[in-house]
Amino acid sequence: MKLPWEVTSIALRVVAYLVLPILIGWIHSRRDPAATTHAQRLEILLMYLFGVGLGANGLGGFFGHIFLSDTVAKSIGWATGSPFQLEMGFANLAICLMGFAAVTQRGGFRTATILGSTTVKFGAFLVHMYDLILHGNLAPSNILINFTNILVPVFLIGWTMAQRRAEREEDPTYDADWLKRISAYVLFVAAGVGTGFGVGFAIGQIIPAYAITIGAAIVGLVIASMVTRGGGTSIETEA
């Protein structure tokens, strides 16, 4: 049985913005010889989740609510033509910018990013659940999209807490050049995933959409590898 494009596009979004950053981040953290501690491996995972799970995800939400607002409204089961979608589009852009910036920033900025994005995403979850319970809205984007609304903040909060606990136990140092190199990887992959999802969503066919999204992520890794090849003197900074 062929599923409606609204359902398959949501599945693609879960893969692009939740599964891919976790999978690529886990592989990267295990294959990076410089990631010798649990805290450093969690740092890599968090970078991918901030960059792709928040940054690329927010960018996709911005374009959807701004340029495809009627399509998005229909997939949620809401009325079209509302200017409130424009406001939601810029809220997603804010999450996008915070997510990208949190790749290169640590400490209080990441805490603020988690608080802001979690408030928006949990708020969206409650609104969709309210609409489901009160009005029986069973539209795919009113139900299924709540997976990413809930799971991305849960992983961010959980891994941040785990990293801080590991830092207290291990007292690791973070090499400045290493952090810069990983940031480049993550941002290129985020750009690839965001672009791939946008193209895949636009063509409206599930197999090419998955292929383009995953292929763009791979291209991002290759480009980042070329850009960051080589190095210089390392500068160590305390976590």
C-alpha atoms as a PDB file:
ATOM      1  CA  MET A   1       0.000   0.000   0.000  1.00  0.00           C
ATOM      2  CA  LYS A   2       1.358   3.388  -1.013  1.00  0.00           C
ATOM      3  CA  LEU A   3       1.397   5.888   1.829  1.00  0.00           C
ATOM      4  CA  PRO A   4       0.351   9.520   1.260  1.00  0.00           C
ATOM      5  CA  TRP A   5       3.233  11.919   0.573  1.00  0.00           C
ATOM      6  CA  GLU A   6       2.386  13.815   3.781  1.00  0.00           C
ATOM      7  CA  VAL A   7       3.197  10.674   5.816  1.00  0.00           C
ATOM      8  CA  THR A   8       6.356   9.775   3.914  1.00  0.00           C
ATOM      9  CA  SER A   9       7.635  13.360   4.075  1.00  0.00           C
ATOM     10  CA  ILE A  10       7.246  13.307   7.858  1.00  0.00           C
ATOM     11  CA  ALA A  11       9.168  10.028   7.977  1.00  0.00           C
ATOM     12  CA  LEU A  12      11.856  11.674   5.843  1.00  0.00           C
ATOM     13  CA  ARG A  13      11.991  14.581   8.268  1.00  0.00           C
ATOM     14  CA  VAL A  14      12.476  12.211  11.228  1.00  0.00           C
ATOM     15  CA  VAL A  15      15.303  10.479   9.352  1.00  0.00           C
ATOM     16  CA  ALA A  16      16.935  13.746   8.282  1.00  0.00           C
ATOM     17  CA  TYR A  17      16.728  15.644  11.563  1.00  0.00           C
ATOM     18  CA  LEU A  18      16.851  12.920  14.203  1.00  0.00           C
ATOM     19  CA  VAL A  19      18.217   9.630  12.882  1.00  0.00           C
ATOM     20  CA  LEU A  20      20.969  11.038  10.644  1.00  0.00           C
ATOM     21  CA  PRO A  21      22.594  13.393  13.197  1.00  0.00           C
ATOM     22  CA  ILE A  22      22.609  10.662  15.838  1.00  0.00           C
ATOM     23  CA  LEU A  23      23.933   8.025  13.432  1.00  0.00           C
ATOM     24  CA  ILE A  24      26.610  10.214  11.829  1.00  0.00           C
ATOM     25  CA  GLY A  25      27.567  11.690  15.197  1.00  0.00           C
ATOM     26  CA  TRP A  26      27.917   8.246  16.780  1.00  0.00           C
ATOM     27  CA  ILE A  27      30.075   6.948  13.904  1.00  0.00           C
ATOM     28  CA  HIS A  28      32.187  10.105  13.946  1.00  0.00           C
ATOM     29  CA  SER A  29      32.682   9.958  17.718  1.00  0.00           C
ATOM     30  CA  ARG A  30      33.819   6.331  17.524  1.00  0.00           C
ATOM     31  CA  ARG A  31      36.207   6.819  14.605  1.00  0.00           C
ATOM     32  CA  ASP A  32      37.836  10.071  15.714  1.00  0.00           C
ATOM     33  CA  PRO A  33      41.185   9.148  17.338  1.00  0.00           C
ATOM     34  CA  ALA A  34      41.236  12.447  19.238  1.00  0.00           C
ATOM     35  CA  ALA A  35      37.965  11.614  21.038  1.00  0.00           C
ATOM     36  CA  THR A  36      39.491   9.551  23.821  1.00  0.00           C
ATOM     37  CA  THR A  37      37.058  10.330  26.634  1.00  0.00           C
ATOM     38  CA  HIS A  38      33.336   9.891  27.088  1.00  0.00           C
ATOM     39  CA  ALA A  39      32.904  13.665  27.416  1.00  0.00           C
ATOM     40  CA  GLN A  40      34.663  14.287  24.082  1.00  0.00           C
ATOM     41  CA  ARG A  41      32.525  11.698  22.293  1.00  0.00           C
ATOM     42  CA  LEU A  42      29.396  13.300  23.733  1.00  0.00           C
ATOM     43  CA  GLU A  43      30.669  16.678  22.519  1.00  0.00           C
ATOM     44  CA  ILE A  44      30.684  15.344  18.940  1.00  0.00           C
ATOM     45  CA  LEU A  45      27.169  13.922  19.311  1.00  0.00           C
ATOM     46  CA  LEU A  46      25.895  17.207  20.746  1.00  0.00           C
ATOM     47  CA  MET A  47      27.462  19.196  17.911  1.00  0.00           C
ATOM     48  CA  TYR A  48      25.608  17.122  15.317  1.00  0.00           C
ATOM     49  CA  LEU A  49      22.339  17.324  17.217  1.00  0.00           C
ATOM     50  CA  PHE A  50      22.626  21.109  17.598  1.00  0.00           C
ATOM     51  CA  GLY A  51      23.684  21.592  13.976  1.00  0.00           C
ATOM     52  CA  VAL A  52      21.301  19.184  12.240  1.00  0.00           C
ATOM     53  CA  GLY A  53      18.568  18.438  14.796  1.00  0.00           C
ATOM     54  CA  LEU A  54      18.040  22.130  15.578  1.00  0.00           C
ATOM     55  CA  GLY A  55      19.855  24.171  12.924  1.00  0.00           C
ATOM     56  CA  ALA A  56      18.919  22.369   9.704  1.00  0.00           C
ATOM     57  CA  ASN A  57      15.527  21.454  11.164  1.00  0.00           C
ATOM     58  CA  GLY A  58      14.773  25.088  12.001  1.00  0.00           C
ATOM     59  CA  LEU A  59      15.883  26.175   8.532  1.00  0.00           C
ATOM     60  CA  GLY A  60      13.490  23.671   6.968  1.00  0.00           C
ATOM     61  CA  GLY A  61      10.685  24.911   9.196  1.00  0.00           C
ATOM     62  CA  PHE A  62      11.434  28.494   8.204  1.00  0.00           C
ATOM     63  CA  PHE A  63      11.185  27.769   4.483  1.00  0.00           C
ATOM     64  CA  GLY A  64       8.096  25.619   4.971  1.00  0.00           C
ATOM     65  CA  HIS A  65       6.116  28.147   6.994  1.00  0.00           C
ATOM     66  CA  ILE A  66       7.233  31.124   4.897  1.00  0.00           C
ATOM     67  CA  PHE A  67       7.236  29.819   1.321  1.00  0.00           C
ATOM     68  CA  LEU A  68       4.990  26.739   1.489  1.00  0.00           C
ATOM     69  CA  SER A  69       2.624  27.967   4.176  1.00  0.00           C
ATOM     70  CA  ASP A  70      -0.578  26.652   2.576  1.00  0.00           C
ATOM     71  CA  THR A  71       0.956  23.224   1.962  1.00  0.00           C
ATOM     72  CA  VAL A  72       2.130  23.045   5.573  1.00  0.00           C
ATOM     73  CA  ALA A  73      -1.251  24.220   6.888  1.00  0.00           C
ATOM     74  CA  LYS A  74      -3.100  21.532   4.893  1.00  0.00           C
ATOM     75  CA  SER A  75      -0.756  18.807   6.153  1.00  0.00           C
ATOM     76  CA  ILE A  76      -1.506  19.889   9.747  1.00  0.00           C
ATOM     77  CA  GLY A  77      -5.240  20.107   9.110  1.00  0.00           C
ATOM     78  CA  TRP A  78      -5.433  23.841   9.805  1.00  0.00           C
ATOM     79  CA  ALA A  79      -6.862  26.717   7.787  1.00  0.00           C
ATOM     80  CA  THR A  80      -4.679  28.208   5.071  1.00  0.00           C
ATOM     81  CA  GLY A  81      -3.779  31.859   4.619  1.00  0.00           C
ATOM     82  CA  SER A  82      -3.048  32.697   8.256  1.00  0.00           C
ATOM     83  CA  PRO A  83      -0.287  35.284   8.843  1.00  0.00           C
ATOM     84  CA  PHE A  84       0.540  33.485  12.095  1.00  0.00           C
ATOM     85  CA  GLN A  85       2.451  31.002   9.967  1.00  0.00           C
ATOM     86  CA  LEU A  86       4.857  33.793   9.060  1.00  0.00           C
ATOM     87  CA  GLU A  87       5.526  34.359  12.749  1.00  0.00           C
ATOM     88  CA  MET A  88       6.149  30.638  13.208  1.00  0.00           C
ATOM     89  CA  GLY A  89       8.503  30.739  10.246  1.00  0.00           C
ATOM     90  CA  PHE A  90      10.686  33.370  11.886  1.00  0.00           C
ATOM     91  CA  ALA A  91      10.552  31.480  15.200  1.00  0.00           C
ATOM     92  CA  ASN A  92      11.989  28.496  13.323  1.00  0.00           C
ATOM     93  CA  LEU A  93      14.663  30.730  11.817  1.00  0.00           C
ATOM     94  CA  ALA A  94      15.646  31.822  15.332  1.00  0.00           C
ATOM     95  CA  ILE A  95      15.978  28.165  16.370  1.00  0.00           C
ATOM     96  CA  CYS A  96      18.038  27.535  13.235  1.00  0.00           C
ATOM     97  CA  LEU A  97      20.495  30.334  14.032  1.00  0.00           C
ATOM     98  CA  MET A  98      20.794  29.317  17.684  1.00  0.00           C
ATOM     99  CA  GLY A  99      21.391  25.697  16.682  1.00  0.00           C
ATOM    100  CA  PHE A 100      24.146  26.613  14.220  1.00  0.00           C
ATOM    101  CA  ALA A 101      25.766  28.981  16.724  1.00  0.00           C
ATOM    102  CA  ALA A 102      25.615  26.339  19.495  1.00  0.00           C
ATOM    103  CA  VAL A 103      27.852  24.101  17.373  1.00  0.00           C
ATOM    104  CA  THR A 104      30.762  26.452  18.019  1.00  0.00           C
ATOM    105  CA  GLN A 105      29.697  27.781  21.439  1.00  0.00           C
ATOM    106  CA  ARG A 106      29.657  25.956  24.748  1.00  0.00           C
ATOM    107  CA  GLY A 107      28.507  26.565  28.301  1.00  0.00           C
ATOM    108  CA  GLY A 108      25.755  29.103  28.942  1.00  0.00           C
ATOM    109  CA  PHE A 109      24.934  29.694  25.285  1.00  0.00           C
ATOM    110  CA  ARG A 110      24.059  26.037  24.789  1.00  0.00           C
ATOM    111  CA  THR A 111      21.921  26.083  27.916  1.00  0.00           C
ATOM    112  CA  ALA A 112      20.009  29.097  26.595  1.00  0.00           C
ATOM    113  CA  THR A 113      19.604  27.400  23.203  1.00  0.00           C
ATOM    114  CA  ILE A 114      18.201  24.264  24.818  1.00  0.00           C
ATOM    115  CA  LEU A 115      15.804  26.277  26.987  1.00  0.00           C
ATOM    116  CA  GLY A 116      14.526  28.364  24.074  1.00  0.00           C
ATOM    117  CA  SER A 117      14.133  25.532  21.570  1.00  0.00           C
ATOM    118  CA  THR A 118      12.624  23.160  24.131  1.00  0.00           C
ATOM    119  CA  THR A 119      10.012  25.761  25.087  1.00  0.00           C
ATOM    120  CA  VAL A 120       8.985  26.192  21.443  1.00  0.00           C
ATOM    121  CA  LYS A 121       8.981  22.475  20.637  1.00  0.00           C
ATOM    122  CA  PHE A 122       7.174  21.320  23.766  1.00  0.00           C
ATOM    123  CA  GLY A 123       4.713  24.170  23.282  1.00  0.00           C
ATOM    124  CA  ALA A 124       4.091  22.972  19.713  1.00  0.00           C
ATOM    125  CA  PHE A 125       3.592  19.439  21.024  1.00  0.00           C
ATOM    126  CA  LEU A 126       0.963  20.617  23.518  1.00  0.00           C
ATOM    127  CA  VAL A 127      -0.849  22.669  20.859  1.00  0.00           C
ATOM    128  CA  HIS A 128      -1.022  19.700  18.483  1.00  0.00           C
ATOM    129  CA  MET A 129      -2.189  17.366  21.251  1.00  0.00           C
ATOM    130  CA  TYR A 130      -4.841  19.892  22.298  1.00  0.00           C
ATOM    131  CA  ASP A 131      -6.084  20.042  18.712  1.00  0.00           C
ATOM    132  CA  LEU A 132      -6.139  16.251  18.520  1.00  0.00           C
ATOM    133  CA  ILE A 133      -8.069  15.790  21.768  1.00  0.00           C
ATOM    134  CA  LEU A 134     -10.471  18.720  21.400  1.00  0.00           C
ATOM    135  CA  HIS A 135     -11.143  18.600  17.659  1.00  0.00           C
ATOM    136  CA  GLY A 136     -10.100  15.083  16.692  1.00  0.00           C
ATOM    137  CA  ASN A 137      -7.549  16.404  14.202  1.00  0.00           C
ATOM    138  CA  LEU A 138      -5.870  13.271  12.809  1.00  0.00           C
ATOM    139  CA  ALA A 139      -3.904  15.010  10.052  1.00  0.00           C
ATOM    140  CA  PRO A 140      -0.425  13.412   9.685  1.00  0.00           C
ATOM    141  CA  SER A 141       1.517  16.578  10.548  1.00  0.00           C
ATOM    142  CA  ASN A 142      -0.666  17.163  13.604  1.00  0.00           C
ATOM    143  CA  ILE A 143       0.330  13.794  15.099  1.00  0.00           C
ATOM    144  CA  LEU A 144       3.481  12.253  13.639  1.00  0.00           C
ATOM    145  CA  ILE A 145       5.616  15.388  13.647  1.00  0.00           C
ATOM    146  CA  ASN A 146       5.425  15.430  17.451  1.00  0.00           C
ATOM    147  CA  PHE A 147       8.096  12.715  17.477  1.00  0.00           C
ATOM    148  CA  THR A 148      10.763  15.247  16.527  1.00  0.00           C
ATOM    149  CA  ASN A 149       9.168  17.974  18.660  1.00  0.00           C
ATOM    150  CA  ILE A 150       9.727  15.826  21.731  1.00  0.00           C
ATOM    151  CA  LEU A 151      12.737  13.623  20.973  1.00  0.00           C
ATOM    152  CA  VAL A 152      15.259  16.258  19.851  1.00  0.00           C
ATOM    153  CA  PRO A 153      14.970  18.280  23.106  1.00  0.00           C
ATOM    154  CA  VAL A 154      15.007  15.047  25.154  1.00  0.00           C
ATOM    155  CA  PHE A 155      18.276  13.939  23.545  1.00  0.00           C
ATOM    156  CA  LEU A 156      19.800  17.413  23.881  1.00  0.00           C
ATOM    157  CA  ILE A 157      18.928  17.649  27.571  1.00  0.00           C
ATOM    158  CA  GLY A 158      19.961  14.065  28.321  1.00  0.00           C
ATOM    159  CA  TRP A 159      23.304  14.212  26.505  1.00  0.00           C
ATOM    160  CA  THR A 160      24.167  17.644  27.908  1.00  0.00           C
ATOM    161  CA  MET A 161      23.574  16.369  31.437  1.00  0.00           C
ATOM    162  CA  ALA A 162      25.590  13.224  30.686  1.00  0.00           C
ATOM    163  CA  GLN A 163      28.461  15.272  29.256  1.00  0.00           C
ATOM    164  CA  ARG A 164      28.619  17.573  32.263  1.00  0.00           C
ATOM    165  CA  ARG A 165      28.661  14.583  34.582  1.00  0.00           C
ATOM    166  CA  ALA A 166      31.460  13.020  32.499  1.00  0.00           C
ATOM    167  CA  GLU A 167      33.421  16.293  32.583  1.00  0.00           C
ATOM    168  CA  ARG A 168      33.259  16.354  36.374  1.00  0.00           C
ATOM    169  CA  GLU A 169      34.563  12.783  36.513  1.00  0.00           C
ATOM    170  CA  GLU A 170      37.176  12.967  33.748  1.00  0.00           C
ATOM    171  CA  ASP A 171      38.221  16.648  33.819  1.00  0.00           C
ATOM    172  CA  PRO A 172      38.946  16.598  30.045  1.00  0.00           C
ATOM    173  CA  THR A 173      40.575  19.284  27.925  1.00  0.00           C
ATOM    174  CA  TYR A 174      39.274  20.286  24.490  1.00  0.00           C
ATOM    175  CA  ASP A 175      41.765  21.136  21.781  1.00  0.00           C
ATOM    176  CA  ALA A 176      40.728  24.363  20.045  1.00  0.00           C
ATOM    177  CA  ASP A 177      41.769  23.149  16.576  1.00  0.00           C
ATOM    178  CA  TRP A 178      39.928  19.882  17.115  1.00  0.00           C
ATOM    179  CA  LEU A 179      36.731  21.714  18.071  1.00  0.00           C
ATOM    180  CA  LYS A 180      37.062  23.984  15.029  1.00  0.00           C
ATOM    181  CA  ARG A 181      37.525  20.981  12.725  1.00  0.00           C
ATOM    182  CA  ILE A 182      34.513  19.133  14.140  1.00  0.00           C
ATOM    183  CA  SER A 183      32.416  22.303  13.860  1.00  0.00           C
ATOM    184  CA  ALA A 184      33.252  22.539  10.154  1.00  0.00           C
ATOM    185  CA  TYR A 185      32.227  18.922   9.625  1.00  0.00           C
ATOM    186  CA  VAL A 186      28.932  19.446  11.421  1.00  0.00           C
ATOM    187  CA  LEU A 187      28.003  22.688   9.661  1.00  0.00           C
ATOM    188  CA  PHE A 188      28.740  21.244   6.216  1.00  0.00           C
ATOM    189  CA  VAL A 189      26.651  18.170   7.017  1.00  0.00           C
ATOM    190  CA  ALA A 190      23.840  20.371   8.375  1.00  0.00           C
ATOM    191  CA  ALA A 191      23.881  22.402   5.166  1.00  0.00           C
ATOM    192  CA  GLY A 192      23.799  19.191   3.132  1.00  0.00           C
ATOM    193  CA  VAL A 193      20.933  17.658   5.082  1.00  0.00           C
ATOM    194  CA  GLY A 194      18.897  20.877   5.040  1.00  0.00           C
ATOM    195  CA  THR A 195      19.404  21.295   1.291  1.00  0.00           C
ATOM    196  CA  GLY A 196      18.748  17.623   0.592  1.00  0.00           C
ATOM    197  CA  PHE A 197      15.526  17.622   2.562  1.00  0.00           C
ATOM    198  CA  GLY A 198      14.350  20.789   0.830  1.00  0.00           C
ATOM    199  CA  VAL A 199      14.994  19.337  -2.633  1.00  0.00           C
ATOM    200  CA  GLY A 200      13.486  15.994  -1.661  1.00  0.00           C
ATOM    201  CA  PHE A 201      10.364  17.649  -0.278  1.00  0.00           C
ATOM    202  CA  ALA A 202      10.032  19.781  -3.390  1.00  0.00           C
ATOM    203  CA  ILE A 203      10.113  16.853  -5.822  1.00  0.00           C
ATOM    204  CA  GLY A 204       7.502  14.977  -3.756  1.00  0.00           C
ATOM    205  CA  GLN A 205       8.790  11.434  -4.361  1.00  0.00           C
ATOM    206  CA  ILE A 206       9.956   9.342  -1.437  1.00  0.00           C
ATOM    207  CA  ILE A 207      12.838   7.235  -2.840  1.00  0.00           C
ATOM    208  CA  PRO A 208      14.626  10.130  -4.590  1.00  0.00           C
ATOM    209  CA  ALA A 209      13.950  12.294  -1.530  1.00  0.00           C
ATOM    210  CA  TYR A 210      15.736   9.867   0.811  1.00  0.00           C
ATOM    211  CA  ALA A 211      18.572   9.411  -1.678  1.00  0.00           C
ATOM    212  CA  ILE A 212      19.086  13.160  -2.086  1.00  0.00           C
ATOM    213  CA  THR A 213      18.980  13.828   1.673  1.00  0.00           C
ATOM    214  CA  ILE A 214      21.424  11.054   2.597  1.00  0.00           C
ATOM    215  CA  GLY A 215      23.618  11.823  -0.412  1.00  0.00           C
ATOM    216  CA  ALA A 216      23.791  15.493   0.562  1.00  0.00           C
ATOM    217  CA  ALA A 217      24.882  14.502   4.082  1.00  0.00           C
ATOM    218  CA  ILE A 218      27.678  12.363   2.606  1.00  0.00           C
ATOM    219  CA  VAL A 219      28.743  15.181   0.290  1.00  0.00           C
ATOM    220  CA  GLY A 220      28.833  17.486   3.320  1.00  0.00           C
ATOM    221  CA  LEU A 221      31.182  15.082   5.107  1.00  0.00           C
ATOM    222  CA  VAL A 222      33.452  14.810   2.070  1.00  0.00           C
ATOM    223  CA  ILE A 223      33.634  18.591   1.605  1.00  0.00           C
ATOM    224  CA  ALA A 224      34.299  19.105   5.315  1.00  0.00           C
ATOM    225  CA  SER A 225      37.071  16.503   5.183  1.00  0.00           C
ATOM    226  CA  MET A 226      38.718  18.363   2.294  1.00  0.00           C
ATOM    227  CA  VAL A 227      38.332  21.765   3.937  1.00  0.00           C
ATOM    228  CA  THR A 228      39.690  20.695   7.319  1.00  0.00           C
ATOM    229  CA  ARG A 229      42.531  18.493   6.064  1.00  0.00           C
ATOM    230  CA  GLY A 230      45.836  19.419   7.574  1.00  0.00           C
ATOM    231  CA  GLY A 231      46.301  21.438  10.698  1.00  0.00           C
ATOM    232  CA  GLY A 232      48.708  23.399  12.842  1.00  0.00           C
ATOM    233  CA  THR A 233      49.660  23.896  16.424  1.00  0.00           C
ATOM    234  CA  SER A 234      46.964  22.889  18.849  1.00  0.00           C
ATOM    235  CA  ILE A 235      45.685  25.154  21.575  1.00  0.00           C
ATOM    236  CA  GLU A 236      44.077  23.378  24.492  1.00  0.00           C
ATOM    237  CA  THR A 237      41.209  24.948  26.357  1.00  0.00           C
ATOM    238  CA  GLU A 238      39.507  23.827  29.515  1.00  0.00           C
ATOM    239  CA  ALA A 239      35.896  22.551  29.204  1.00  0.00           C
END
